N, C-alpha and C. Protein backbone atom coordinates (compact mmCIF):
# COMPACT_ATOMS: atom_id res chain seq x y z
N MET A 1 84.44 141.35 197.10
CA MET A 1 83.41 141.85 198.00
C MET A 1 83.29 143.36 197.92
N ALA A 2 84.46 144.03 197.81
CA ALA A 2 84.47 145.49 197.71
C ALA A 2 83.76 145.95 196.45
N LYS A 3 84.02 145.24 195.32
CA LYS A 3 83.37 145.60 194.06
C LYS A 3 81.87 145.45 194.17
N SER A 4 81.41 144.37 194.84
CA SER A 4 79.97 144.14 194.99
C SER A 4 79.35 145.24 195.83
N SER A 5 80.04 145.65 196.90
CA SER A 5 79.52 146.71 197.75
C SER A 5 79.44 148.03 196.99
N LYS A 6 80.48 148.29 196.17
CA LYS A 6 80.50 149.52 195.38
C LYS A 6 79.36 149.55 194.38
N LEU A 7 79.10 148.41 193.75
CA LEU A 7 78.01 148.33 192.78
C LEU A 7 76.67 148.51 193.46
N ASP A 8 76.52 147.93 194.67
CA ASP A 8 75.27 148.09 195.41
C ASP A 8 75.01 149.56 195.73
N THR A 9 76.08 150.26 196.12
CA THR A 9 75.94 151.69 196.41
C THR A 9 75.55 152.47 195.17
N LEU A 10 76.24 152.15 194.04
CA LEU A 10 75.93 152.81 192.77
C LEU A 10 74.49 152.55 192.35
N THR A 11 74.07 151.30 192.50
CA THR A 11 72.70 150.93 192.14
C THR A 11 71.69 151.69 192.98
N SER A 12 71.97 151.81 194.29
CA SER A 12 71.06 152.51 195.18
C SER A 12 70.94 153.98 194.81
N GLU A 13 72.10 154.61 194.52
CA GLU A 13 72.08 156.02 194.16
C GLU A 13 71.36 156.26 192.84
N LEU A 14 71.66 155.43 191.85
CA LEU A 14 71.03 155.60 190.55
C LEU A 14 69.54 155.34 190.62
N GLU A 15 69.14 154.40 191.45
CA GLU A 15 67.72 154.08 191.57
C GLU A 15 66.94 155.28 192.09
N SER A 16 67.57 156.05 192.99
CA SER A 16 66.88 157.20 193.58
C SER A 16 66.89 158.42 192.68
N ARG A 17 67.86 158.49 191.74
CA ARG A 17 68.00 159.72 190.93
C ARG A 17 67.81 159.53 189.44
N LEU A 18 67.67 158.33 188.98
CA LEU A 18 67.68 158.07 187.54
C LEU A 18 66.54 158.77 186.82
N ASP A 19 65.38 158.85 187.45
CA ASP A 19 64.24 159.49 186.79
C ASP A 19 64.49 160.97 186.52
N GLU A 20 65.40 161.60 187.27
CA GLU A 20 65.64 163.03 187.11
C GLU A 20 66.60 163.34 185.97
N LEU A 21 67.33 162.34 185.48
CA LEU A 21 68.41 162.62 184.55
C LEU A 21 67.92 163.14 183.21
N PHE A 22 66.85 162.57 182.70
CA PHE A 22 66.36 162.98 181.39
C PHE A 22 65.07 163.76 181.46
N ARG A 23 64.46 163.88 182.63
CA ARG A 23 63.17 164.54 182.72
C ARG A 23 63.34 166.03 182.50
N GLU A 24 62.44 166.61 181.71
CA GLU A 24 62.50 168.04 181.44
C GLU A 24 61.20 168.74 181.79
N ASP A 25 60.15 167.97 182.00
CA ASP A 25 58.86 168.62 182.27
C ASP A 25 58.63 168.83 183.76
N GLY A 26 59.41 168.17 184.61
CA GLY A 26 59.30 168.38 186.05
C GLY A 26 58.04 167.79 186.66
N GLN A 27 57.29 167.00 185.92
CA GLN A 27 56.05 166.44 186.42
C GLN A 27 56.31 165.08 187.06
N PRO A 28 55.63 164.76 188.16
CA PRO A 28 55.81 163.45 188.78
C PRO A 28 55.28 162.35 187.89
N VAL A 29 55.90 161.20 188.00
CA VAL A 29 55.47 160.06 187.20
C VAL A 29 54.21 159.48 187.80
N GLU A 30 53.22 159.30 186.98
CA GLU A 30 51.95 158.76 187.43
C GLU A 30 52.12 157.30 187.81
N THR A 31 51.55 156.89 188.91
CA THR A 31 51.61 155.49 189.31
C THR A 31 50.28 154.83 189.02
N LEU A 32 50.34 153.60 188.57
CA LEU A 32 49.14 152.83 188.26
C LEU A 32 49.09 151.60 189.15
N PRO A 33 47.92 151.08 189.43
CA PRO A 33 47.82 149.89 190.26
C PRO A 33 48.49 148.71 189.58
N PRO A 34 49.16 147.84 190.34
CA PRO A 34 49.86 146.71 189.73
C PRO A 34 48.91 145.71 189.10
N ARG A 35 49.37 145.08 188.05
CA ARG A 35 48.60 144.02 187.40
C ARG A 35 49.48 142.79 187.30
N ASP A 36 48.86 141.69 187.00
CA ASP A 36 49.61 140.45 186.85
C ASP A 36 50.26 140.44 185.47
N THR A 37 51.57 140.63 185.43
CA THR A 37 52.28 140.66 184.16
C THR A 37 53.30 139.53 184.06
N ARG A 38 53.21 138.53 184.91
CA ARG A 38 54.26 137.52 184.99
C ARG A 38 54.12 136.42 183.94
N SER A 39 52.96 136.26 183.32
CA SER A 39 52.83 135.20 182.32
C SER A 39 53.69 135.50 181.11
N GLN A 40 53.54 136.68 180.54
CA GLN A 40 54.39 137.15 179.44
C GLN A 40 54.74 138.60 179.76
N PRO A 41 55.66 138.80 180.68
CA PRO A 41 55.87 140.14 181.24
C PRO A 41 56.29 141.20 180.24
N LEU A 42 57.06 140.80 179.22
CA LEU A 42 57.60 141.80 178.30
C LEU A 42 56.94 141.79 176.93
N ALA A 43 55.93 140.98 176.75
CA ALA A 43 55.31 140.84 175.42
C ALA A 43 54.77 142.18 174.93
N GLU A 44 53.97 142.84 175.77
CA GLU A 44 53.37 144.12 175.37
C GLU A 44 54.43 145.20 175.22
N LEU A 45 55.39 145.21 176.15
CA LEU A 45 56.44 146.22 176.08
C LEU A 45 57.27 146.06 174.81
N LYS A 46 57.50 144.82 174.40
CA LYS A 46 58.28 144.56 173.18
C LYS A 46 57.56 145.12 171.96
N LYS A 47 56.26 144.94 171.90
CA LYS A 47 55.48 145.48 170.78
C LYS A 47 55.63 147.01 170.71
N ILE A 48 55.56 147.63 171.89
CA ILE A 48 55.62 149.09 171.92
C ILE A 48 57.00 149.58 171.52
N VAL A 49 58.04 148.88 171.99
CA VAL A 49 59.41 149.26 171.63
C VAL A 49 59.59 149.20 170.12
N LEU A 50 59.07 148.15 169.51
CA LEU A 50 59.18 148.01 168.05
C LEU A 50 58.41 149.12 167.34
N SER A 51 57.26 149.48 167.88
CA SER A 51 56.46 150.53 167.24
C SER A 51 57.15 151.90 167.36
N ILE A 52 57.79 152.15 168.51
CA ILE A 52 58.52 153.41 168.68
C ILE A 52 59.73 153.45 167.76
N ASP A 53 60.36 152.30 167.58
CA ASP A 53 61.52 152.24 166.69
C ASP A 53 61.11 152.53 165.25
N TRP A 54 59.87 152.20 164.93
CA TRP A 54 59.37 152.43 163.58
C TRP A 54 58.84 153.86 163.41
N GLU A 55 58.07 154.33 164.40
CA GLU A 55 57.50 155.69 164.33
C GLU A 55 57.19 156.17 165.74
N ILE A 56 57.62 157.39 166.04
CA ILE A 56 57.37 157.97 167.36
C ILE A 56 56.02 158.68 167.34
N THR A 57 55.08 158.15 168.09
CA THR A 57 53.78 158.81 168.23
C THR A 57 53.51 159.05 169.71
N PRO A 58 52.74 160.08 170.05
CA PRO A 58 52.43 160.33 171.47
C PRO A 58 51.77 159.13 172.13
N GLU A 59 50.91 158.44 171.38
CA GLU A 59 50.20 157.29 171.94
C GLU A 59 51.18 156.17 172.29
N ALA A 60 52.13 155.91 171.39
CA ALA A 60 53.10 154.83 171.63
C ALA A 60 53.97 155.14 172.84
N VAL A 61 54.41 156.40 172.94
CA VAL A 61 55.27 156.77 174.07
C VAL A 61 54.51 156.68 175.39
N GLU A 62 53.26 157.13 175.40
CA GLU A 62 52.45 157.04 176.61
C GLU A 62 52.22 155.58 177.00
N SER A 63 51.95 154.72 176.02
CA SER A 63 51.77 153.30 176.30
C SER A 63 53.04 152.68 176.85
N PHE A 64 54.18 153.10 176.28
CA PHE A 64 55.46 152.61 176.74
C PHE A 64 55.69 152.96 178.21
N LEU A 65 55.46 154.22 178.57
CA LEU A 65 55.66 154.66 179.95
C LEU A 65 54.69 153.98 180.90
N ALA A 66 53.44 153.79 180.46
CA ALA A 66 52.46 153.11 181.30
C ALA A 66 52.87 151.66 181.56
N GLN A 67 53.39 150.99 180.52
CA GLN A 67 53.82 149.60 180.68
C GLN A 67 55.04 149.51 181.61
N ILE A 68 55.92 150.47 181.52
CA ILE A 68 57.08 150.50 182.41
C ILE A 68 56.62 150.61 183.87
N ARG A 69 55.63 151.48 184.11
CA ARG A 69 55.13 151.64 185.48
C ARG A 69 54.51 150.35 186.01
N LEU A 70 53.79 149.66 185.15
CA LEU A 70 53.19 148.38 185.56
C LEU A 70 54.26 147.36 185.93
N LEU A 71 55.29 147.27 185.10
CA LEU A 71 56.35 146.29 185.34
C LEU A 71 57.15 146.64 186.59
N LYS A 72 57.35 147.92 186.85
CA LYS A 72 58.08 148.33 188.06
C LYS A 72 57.29 147.94 189.31
N GLU A 73 55.98 148.04 189.23
CA GLU A 73 55.15 147.61 190.35
C GLU A 73 55.26 146.09 190.55
N ALA A 74 55.23 145.37 189.44
CA ALA A 74 55.25 143.91 189.53
C ALA A 74 56.59 143.36 189.96
N TYR A 75 57.68 144.07 189.61
CA TYR A 75 59.03 143.56 189.89
C TYR A 75 59.82 144.46 190.84
N GLN A 76 59.10 145.14 191.72
CA GLN A 76 59.77 146.06 192.62
C GLN A 76 60.73 145.35 193.58
N ALA A 77 60.55 144.06 193.79
CA ALA A 77 61.46 143.33 194.68
C ALA A 77 62.76 142.95 194.00
N ASP A 78 62.79 143.00 192.66
CA ASP A 78 64.00 142.63 191.91
C ASP A 78 64.74 143.92 191.54
N LYS A 79 65.81 144.20 192.26
CA LYS A 79 66.50 145.47 192.08
C LYS A 79 67.12 145.61 190.70
N ILE A 80 67.66 144.56 190.16
CA ILE A 80 68.32 144.65 188.84
C ILE A 80 67.28 144.90 187.75
N VAL A 81 66.20 144.14 187.78
CA VAL A 81 65.13 144.37 186.80
C VAL A 81 64.57 145.78 186.95
N THR A 82 64.41 146.21 188.19
CA THR A 82 63.91 147.57 188.43
C THR A 82 64.83 148.62 187.83
N MET A 83 66.14 148.39 187.95
CA MET A 83 67.09 149.35 187.39
C MET A 83 67.00 149.41 185.87
N PHE A 84 66.87 148.26 185.24
CA PHE A 84 66.69 148.23 183.78
C PHE A 84 65.42 149.00 183.40
N LEU A 85 64.35 148.77 184.13
CA LEU A 85 63.09 149.46 183.85
C LEU A 85 63.22 150.96 184.11
N GLN A 86 64.03 151.30 185.10
CA GLN A 86 64.25 152.71 185.41
C GLN A 86 64.96 153.41 184.24
N ILE A 87 65.96 152.74 183.68
CA ILE A 87 66.65 153.32 182.52
C ILE A 87 65.69 153.48 181.35
N LEU A 88 64.91 152.43 181.08
CA LEU A 88 63.94 152.50 179.98
C LEU A 88 62.94 153.63 180.21
N GLY A 89 62.48 153.78 181.45
CA GLY A 89 61.53 154.84 181.75
C GLY A 89 62.11 156.22 181.54
N SER A 90 63.38 156.39 181.92
CA SER A 90 64.02 157.69 181.73
C SER A 90 64.20 157.99 180.25
N LEU A 91 64.58 156.99 179.46
CA LEU A 91 64.69 157.17 178.02
C LEU A 91 63.33 157.53 177.42
N GLY A 92 62.29 156.86 177.92
CA GLY A 92 60.94 157.16 177.42
C GLY A 92 60.53 158.59 177.72
N GLN A 93 60.85 159.07 178.92
CA GLN A 93 60.53 160.47 179.26
C GLN A 93 61.30 161.44 178.37
N TYR A 94 62.55 161.11 178.07
CA TYR A 94 63.36 161.96 177.20
C TYR A 94 62.77 162.00 175.79
N ILE A 95 62.36 160.84 175.28
CA ILE A 95 61.75 160.79 173.95
C ILE A 95 60.43 161.56 173.95
N LYS A 96 59.67 161.44 175.02
CA LYS A 96 58.40 162.16 175.12
C LYS A 96 58.62 163.67 175.05
N SER A 97 59.67 164.15 175.71
CA SER A 97 59.93 165.59 175.76
C SER A 97 60.51 166.13 174.46
N ASN A 98 61.26 165.28 173.72
CA ASN A 98 61.99 165.78 172.55
C ASN A 98 61.51 165.24 171.22
N ARG A 99 60.75 164.14 171.25
CA ARG A 99 60.21 163.56 170.03
C ARG A 99 61.27 163.41 168.94
N SER A 100 61.05 164.00 167.78
CA SER A 100 61.96 163.83 166.65
C SER A 100 63.32 164.49 166.87
N LYS A 101 63.42 165.40 167.87
CA LYS A 101 64.69 166.06 168.15
C LYS A 101 65.57 165.27 169.10
N ALA A 102 65.10 164.12 169.55
CA ALA A 102 65.88 163.30 170.46
C ALA A 102 67.18 162.85 169.78
N HIS A 103 68.22 162.69 170.57
CA HIS A 103 69.52 162.28 170.02
C HIS A 103 69.36 160.91 169.33
N PRO A 104 69.94 160.72 168.14
CA PRO A 104 69.78 159.46 167.41
C PRO A 104 70.21 158.23 168.21
N SER A 105 71.20 158.37 169.08
CA SER A 105 71.68 157.22 169.86
C SER A 105 70.66 156.75 170.89
N THR A 106 69.65 157.57 171.17
CA THR A 106 68.65 157.21 172.17
C THR A 106 67.95 155.91 171.81
N PHE A 107 67.62 155.74 170.54
CA PHE A 107 66.81 154.60 170.13
C PHE A 107 67.63 153.30 170.10
N SER A 108 68.89 153.40 169.72
CA SER A 108 69.73 152.20 169.76
C SER A 108 69.95 151.77 171.20
N LEU A 109 70.10 152.74 172.12
CA LEU A 109 70.26 152.39 173.53
C LEU A 109 68.97 151.80 174.08
N LEU A 110 67.84 152.35 173.68
CA LEU A 110 66.54 151.82 174.13
C LEU A 110 66.41 150.35 173.75
N ASN A 111 66.77 150.02 172.52
CA ASN A 111 66.69 148.64 172.06
C ASN A 111 67.69 147.75 172.78
N SER A 112 68.89 148.28 173.04
CA SER A 112 69.92 147.50 173.72
C SER A 112 69.51 147.17 175.16
N VAL A 113 69.01 148.19 175.87
CA VAL A 113 68.59 147.98 177.25
C VAL A 113 67.44 146.97 177.30
N PHE A 114 66.48 147.11 176.39
CA PHE A 114 65.36 146.18 176.39
C PHE A 114 65.84 144.76 176.08
N ALA A 115 66.76 144.60 175.14
CA ALA A 115 67.25 143.26 174.78
C ALA A 115 67.92 142.58 175.98
N ARG A 116 68.71 143.34 176.72
CA ARG A 116 69.37 142.74 177.90
C ARG A 116 68.35 142.41 178.99
N LEU A 117 67.37 143.28 179.17
CA LEU A 117 66.32 142.99 180.14
C LEU A 117 65.55 141.74 179.75
N GLU A 118 65.23 141.64 178.48
CA GLU A 118 64.50 140.48 177.99
C GLU A 118 65.31 139.20 178.20
N ALA A 119 66.61 139.26 177.95
CA ALA A 119 67.46 138.08 178.14
C ALA A 119 67.48 137.65 179.61
N ILE A 120 67.55 138.61 180.51
CA ILE A 120 67.57 138.30 181.94
C ILE A 120 66.26 137.67 182.39
N MET A 121 65.14 138.23 181.92
CA MET A 121 63.84 137.74 182.36
C MET A 121 63.44 136.44 181.69
N ASN A 122 63.95 136.20 180.49
CA ASN A 122 63.63 134.94 179.81
C ASN A 122 64.49 133.78 180.29
N PHE A 123 65.62 134.11 180.93
CA PHE A 123 66.52 133.07 181.45
C PHE A 123 66.76 133.34 182.92
N PRO A 124 65.80 132.96 183.76
CA PRO A 124 65.89 133.27 185.19
C PRO A 124 67.09 132.63 185.89
N LYS A 125 67.71 131.63 185.27
CA LYS A 125 68.87 130.98 185.90
C LYS A 125 70.17 131.75 185.65
N THR A 126 70.08 132.88 184.95
CA THR A 126 71.27 133.69 184.74
C THR A 126 71.85 134.09 186.09
N SER A 127 73.15 133.98 186.24
CA SER A 127 73.79 134.28 187.52
C SER A 127 73.66 135.76 187.85
N GLU A 128 73.73 136.03 189.16
CA GLU A 128 73.64 137.41 189.62
C GLU A 128 74.79 138.25 189.07
N LEU A 129 75.96 137.62 188.96
CA LEU A 129 77.12 138.33 188.44
C LEU A 129 76.90 138.76 186.99
N GLU A 130 76.35 137.86 186.17
CA GLU A 130 76.08 138.18 184.76
C GLU A 130 75.03 139.29 184.64
N LYS A 131 74.04 139.22 185.51
CA LYS A 131 73.01 140.27 185.49
C LYS A 131 73.62 141.63 185.81
N ARG A 132 74.49 141.67 186.81
CA ARG A 132 75.12 142.92 187.21
C ARG A 132 76.04 143.45 186.11
N LYS A 133 76.74 142.56 185.43
CA LYS A 133 77.60 142.98 184.33
C LYS A 133 76.77 143.61 183.21
N SER A 134 75.65 142.99 182.91
CA SER A 134 74.76 143.54 181.88
C SER A 134 74.26 144.92 182.28
N LEU A 135 73.90 145.04 183.54
CA LEU A 135 73.41 146.33 184.03
C LEU A 135 74.51 147.39 183.97
N GLN A 136 75.71 147.03 184.37
CA GLN A 136 76.83 147.97 184.32
C GLN A 136 77.09 148.45 182.89
N THR A 137 77.03 147.52 181.94
CA THR A 137 77.26 147.88 180.53
C THR A 137 76.24 148.91 180.06
N GLU A 138 74.97 148.69 180.39
CA GLU A 138 73.93 149.61 179.94
C GLU A 138 73.97 150.93 180.70
N LEU A 139 74.37 150.89 181.96
CA LEU A 139 74.52 152.14 182.70
C LEU A 139 75.64 153.00 182.11
N ALA A 140 76.72 152.34 181.70
CA ALA A 140 77.83 153.07 181.07
C ALA A 140 77.37 153.70 179.75
N ALA A 141 76.62 152.94 178.95
CA ALA A 141 76.11 153.47 177.69
C ALA A 141 75.12 154.61 177.93
N TYR A 142 74.35 154.47 178.99
CA TYR A 142 73.38 155.50 179.38
C TYR A 142 74.11 156.81 179.73
N GLN A 143 75.19 156.67 180.49
CA GLN A 143 75.97 157.84 180.88
C GLN A 143 76.60 158.50 179.65
N GLN A 144 77.09 157.70 178.71
CA GLN A 144 77.68 158.23 177.48
C GLN A 144 76.64 159.00 176.68
N LEU A 145 75.41 158.48 176.65
CA LEU A 145 74.35 159.18 175.92
C LEU A 145 74.06 160.53 176.57
N ARG A 146 74.01 160.56 177.89
CA ARG A 146 73.79 161.83 178.59
C ARG A 146 74.86 162.85 178.23
N GLU A 147 76.11 162.39 178.15
CA GLU A 147 77.21 163.30 177.81
C GLU A 147 77.06 163.81 176.37
N LYS A 148 76.66 162.93 175.46
CA LYS A 148 76.45 163.34 174.07
C LYS A 148 75.35 164.40 173.99
N ILE A 149 74.28 164.19 174.74
CA ILE A 149 73.17 165.13 174.73
C ILE A 149 73.61 166.48 175.29
N SER A 150 74.39 166.44 176.37
CA SER A 150 74.89 167.68 176.97
C SER A 150 75.80 168.43 176.00
N GLN A 151 76.66 167.68 175.30
CA GLN A 151 77.57 168.31 174.33
C GLN A 151 76.80 168.94 173.18
N ARG A 152 75.76 168.24 172.71
CA ARG A 152 74.98 168.78 171.59
C ARG A 152 74.22 170.03 172.02
N ARG A 153 73.68 170.02 173.24
CA ARG A 153 72.98 171.20 173.72
C ARG A 153 73.93 172.38 173.86
N ALA A 154 75.14 172.10 174.38
CA ALA A 154 76.13 173.18 174.52
C ALA A 154 76.52 173.74 173.16
N ALA A 155 76.67 172.85 172.17
CA ALA A 155 77.03 173.31 170.82
C ALA A 155 75.92 174.14 170.22
N ASP A 156 74.66 173.73 170.45
CA ASP A 156 73.53 174.50 169.92
C ASP A 156 73.45 175.88 170.56
N GLU A 157 73.73 175.95 171.86
CA GLU A 157 73.67 177.23 172.55
C GLU A 157 74.81 178.15 172.12
N ALA A 158 75.94 177.54 171.68
CA ALA A 158 77.10 178.34 171.29
C ALA A 158 77.00 178.88 169.87
N LYS A 159 76.07 178.36 169.09
CA LYS A 159 75.93 178.82 167.71
C LYS A 159 75.47 180.27 167.68
N PRO A 160 76.10 181.10 166.83
CA PRO A 160 75.67 182.50 166.75
C PRO A 160 74.27 182.60 166.18
N ALA A 161 73.57 183.60 166.63
CA ALA A 161 72.21 183.81 166.13
C ALA A 161 72.26 184.25 164.68
N PRO A 162 71.33 183.80 163.86
CA PRO A 162 71.33 184.21 162.44
C PRO A 162 71.15 185.71 162.32
N PRO A 163 71.85 186.34 161.37
CA PRO A 163 71.74 187.80 161.23
C PRO A 163 70.32 188.22 160.88
N ALA A 164 69.95 189.37 161.42
CA ALA A 164 68.62 189.89 161.14
C ALA A 164 68.53 190.29 159.68
N PRO A 165 67.42 190.04 159.02
CA PRO A 165 67.29 190.43 157.61
C PRO A 165 67.41 191.93 157.44
N ALA A 166 68.12 192.33 156.38
CA ALA A 166 68.32 193.77 156.12
C ALA A 166 66.98 194.42 155.82
N ALA A 167 66.85 195.63 156.29
CA ALA A 167 65.60 196.35 156.05
C ALA A 167 65.44 196.62 154.57
N ALA A 168 64.28 196.30 154.07
CA ALA A 168 64.03 196.50 152.64
C ALA A 168 63.93 197.99 152.33
N ILE A 169 64.56 198.41 151.25
CA ILE A 169 64.48 199.80 150.82
C ILE A 169 63.20 199.98 150.03
N PRO A 170 62.32 200.83 150.50
CA PRO A 170 61.04 200.98 149.80
C PRO A 170 61.25 201.53 148.40
N PRO A 171 60.52 201.01 147.46
CA PRO A 171 60.66 201.51 146.09
C PRO A 171 60.24 202.97 145.99
N ALA A 172 60.96 203.69 145.14
CA ALA A 172 60.64 205.11 144.98
C ALA A 172 59.32 205.27 144.26
N SER A 173 58.60 206.27 144.69
CA SER A 173 57.33 206.55 144.04
C SER A 173 57.60 207.22 142.69
N PRO A 174 56.64 207.19 141.76
CA PRO A 174 56.83 207.85 140.46
C PRO A 174 57.20 209.31 140.60
N GLY A 175 56.61 210.00 141.58
CA GLY A 175 56.93 211.41 141.77
C GLY A 175 58.38 211.60 142.17
N ALA A 176 58.88 210.70 143.07
CA ALA A 176 60.27 210.81 143.51
C ALA A 176 61.21 210.54 142.36
N SER A 177 60.87 209.62 141.48
CA SER A 177 61.72 209.32 140.32
C SER A 177 61.82 210.52 139.39
N ALA A 178 60.71 211.19 139.22
CA ALA A 178 60.71 212.36 138.34
C ALA A 178 61.58 213.47 138.91
N VAL A 179 61.49 213.68 140.23
CA VAL A 179 62.31 214.71 140.87
C VAL A 179 63.78 214.38 140.74
N THR A 180 64.13 213.12 140.94
CA THR A 180 65.53 212.70 140.84
C THR A 180 66.07 212.93 139.44
N ALA A 181 65.31 212.59 138.42
CA ALA A 181 65.73 212.79 137.03
C ALA A 181 65.92 214.28 136.73
N GLN A 182 65.03 215.11 137.28
CA GLN A 182 65.12 216.56 137.04
C GLN A 182 66.38 217.13 137.68
N MET A 183 66.69 216.65 138.92
CA MET A 183 67.89 217.14 139.61
C MET A 183 69.16 216.71 138.88
N LEU A 184 69.14 215.50 138.33
CA LEU A 184 70.30 215.02 137.59
C LEU A 184 70.52 215.85 136.32
N ALA A 185 69.45 216.14 135.60
CA ALA A 185 69.56 216.95 134.38
C ALA A 185 70.08 218.35 134.69
N GLN A 186 69.62 218.91 135.82
CA GLN A 186 70.08 220.24 136.20
C GLN A 186 71.57 220.23 136.53
N ALA A 187 72.01 219.17 137.24
CA ALA A 187 73.42 219.07 137.60
C ALA A 187 74.30 218.95 136.36
N VAL A 188 73.85 218.18 135.38
CA VAL A 188 74.62 218.02 134.14
C VAL A 188 74.71 219.36 133.40
N ALA A 189 73.59 220.06 133.36
CA ALA A 189 73.58 221.37 132.68
C ALA A 189 74.54 222.34 133.36
N GLU A 190 74.53 222.36 134.70
CA GLU A 190 75.42 223.24 135.44
C GLU A 190 76.88 222.88 135.19
N LEU A 191 77.17 221.60 135.10
CA LEU A 191 78.54 221.16 134.83
C LEU A 191 79.00 221.61 133.44
N LYS A 192 78.12 221.48 132.46
CA LYS A 192 78.46 221.92 131.11
C LYS A 192 78.73 223.42 131.07
N GLU A 193 77.90 224.17 131.78
CA GLU A 193 78.07 225.62 131.81
C GLU A 193 79.39 226.01 132.47
N PHE A 194 79.74 225.27 133.54
CA PHE A 194 81.00 225.53 134.23
C PHE A 194 82.18 225.26 133.30
N ILE A 195 82.13 224.19 132.56
CA ILE A 195 83.22 223.85 131.64
C ILE A 195 83.34 224.91 130.55
N ARG A 196 82.21 225.37 130.00
CA ARG A 196 82.23 226.39 128.94
C ARG A 196 82.85 227.69 129.46
N SER A 197 82.46 228.05 130.71
CA SER A 197 82.98 229.30 131.25
C SER A 197 84.48 229.20 131.52
N GLU A 198 84.91 228.03 131.99
CA GLU A 198 86.34 227.85 132.25
C GLU A 198 87.14 227.88 130.93
N MET A 199 86.61 227.27 129.91
CA MET A 199 87.29 227.26 128.61
C MET A 199 87.37 228.69 128.05
N ALA A 200 86.31 229.44 128.20
CA ALA A 200 86.30 230.83 127.70
C ALA A 200 87.32 231.67 128.44
N ALA A 201 87.41 231.49 129.76
CA ALA A 201 88.37 232.24 130.56
C ALA A 201 89.79 231.87 130.16
N LEU A 202 90.01 230.61 129.88
CA LEU A 202 91.33 230.16 129.48
C LEU A 202 91.72 230.76 128.13
N ARG A 203 90.79 230.85 127.17
CA ARG A 203 91.08 231.42 125.86
C ARG A 203 91.41 232.91 125.99
N ARG A 204 90.65 233.61 126.86
CA ARG A 204 90.92 235.03 127.05
C ARG A 204 92.31 235.26 127.62
N GLN A 205 92.69 234.39 128.58
CA GLN A 205 94.01 234.53 129.19
C GLN A 205 95.11 234.28 128.17
N MET A 206 94.90 233.29 127.30
CA MET A 206 95.90 232.98 126.30
C MET A 206 96.05 234.14 125.31
N LYS A 207 94.97 234.81 124.98
CA LYS A 207 95.04 235.94 124.05
C LYS A 207 95.80 237.10 124.69
N SER A 208 95.51 237.31 125.98
CA SER A 208 96.17 238.44 126.64
C SER A 208 97.66 238.20 126.83
N ASP A 209 98.05 236.91 126.92
CA ASP A 209 99.46 236.60 127.09
C ASP A 209 100.22 236.60 125.79
N THR A 210 99.53 236.65 124.64
CA THR A 210 100.20 236.61 123.34
C THR A 210 100.86 237.96 123.07
N PRO A 211 102.18 237.97 122.80
CA PRO A 211 102.85 239.25 122.53
C PRO A 211 102.32 239.90 121.29
N ARG A 212 102.22 241.22 121.29
CA ARG A 212 101.72 241.97 120.15
C ARG A 212 102.85 242.36 119.27
């Protein structure tokens, strides 16, 4: 009984805050009028999930989120189904915000959550305990994904900024090259003259030191 009460509390808290976990745009979720989706409730959603798994397009993500809103309206009395839809909706918002930069594990979790939801809705005689176990499993995987995303963001922020490109040294103009060559020739000439004068002074000293 204690475990059931604890799970009910967890479910209630997550239901009220789950939409905030992955949202980055801060915009309220648009609500649409409910439609009758009970004949084949997940048929359209399944098509969209498969299309997102194949290619992420803005249209597919928007259709996915719209279908989630419709199903939440239709199944608002079923708390477990609502929680599964809440997780899917949060994943959809995260994919919408990040597109191709979304963490790779997001899509495997999206498929896993949908598969468990589909199993529950296709087999209405599934016991409440089994439904709760399935929900707990996906909530745990959801939490792990959030931690992975947080770790990756922290690692990206910790990366040093790339060094600024070195300033290019402008090529010397023809006039500057000519001046440089002239200065070099003058320096060489001065060096030669210095060596000649030193050698001459040395010879004179040697002559003066020679005994007569």
